[in-house]
Amino acid sequence: MTDILQDAAAEGLSRADRLQQQPAFQARQAQIRANLSQVQHQLAQACEQAQRRPEEVRLLAVTKCHPYEDALAAFWAGVHSAGENRVQELLQKQRDCQPYLEQADWQLIGTLQKNKVRQIVGKVSLIQSVDHLELIHSLDQAAGRQGLRQDILLQFNYSGEATKHGFEAEAAEQALATCQACHYLKVRGMMTMARPGLTDAEAEAFFSDFAAFYRRLRETDRLMPDPAAFDILSMGMSEDYQAAIRAGSTMVRIGSAIFGPRMQP
């Protein structure tokens, strides 16, 4: 491998060119491209079934527990945004990918602890996992110290599972009111997850119910000074994204369907 890189460097190739000449990377990139193509095809099918346009649904490639080379392969295959569950893993992948990419969009989708807030604010375009009031205040303060505006989603535990984080539906109005009082946060919408193991019909019914809940909040004037900006409904993962799209999702979070089984951290 070292000889290949040295030869490529001598030929004046860029770092990206050198990586893409490596047989192991070429094989992995081909696999990711094929998987991504299949996901995009199924996304388009689900949109057609719901009489929607594929452009209405954003695809977030979830690189959790996969190497940064996989993230690069996905970006080079046409993915626009990547998501990570852990702050440290996200920041490390950003550093590793930076020499190869002029720009890349990263989002945080995993539980955010208060002691990591300062590290992540301003480093991602969107924090999807804002799940309690204290975190809202901490994010607003951190963004204020940096003099920037941070986009967020409110995460809801709409399935009521004890193992999941998120606001309960009854807390939605208080959460939105808290966000309105913040000067440095912009709440862009909502995120949720379905219970694992649901049938396709059960998943679609769950997502449809959550989508209706999202629309009710969006259409409540006293809660929504700018409804057009509350435009992200993030729901659907590898096992249920087609059902989520048919129910109205505007962003799906896809990991294993693109990258295969997660590697152990």
Foldseek 3Di string as FASTA:
>chain_A
DVVLLVVCVVVVDAPLVSQCVDPVLVVLLVQLLVLVVVVLVLLCVLCVVLVHHSLLAAEEEEQEQHDLSNVVSVVVSPHQEYEYADLVVVVVSCVVCVSPDVDGAYEYEHDDDLVCLLVCVPVHQEYEDAADLVVLVSNLVSQVVVVAAHEYEFEDADQPDPVDTHHHLVCVQVNLVSNVPRDRYDYQEYEYEDDPPDDQVVLLVSLLVVVVSRVVQLPPCVSHVPSVSNRAYEYEEDVHNSSNVSSPHSYYYYYCSSNNDRDDD
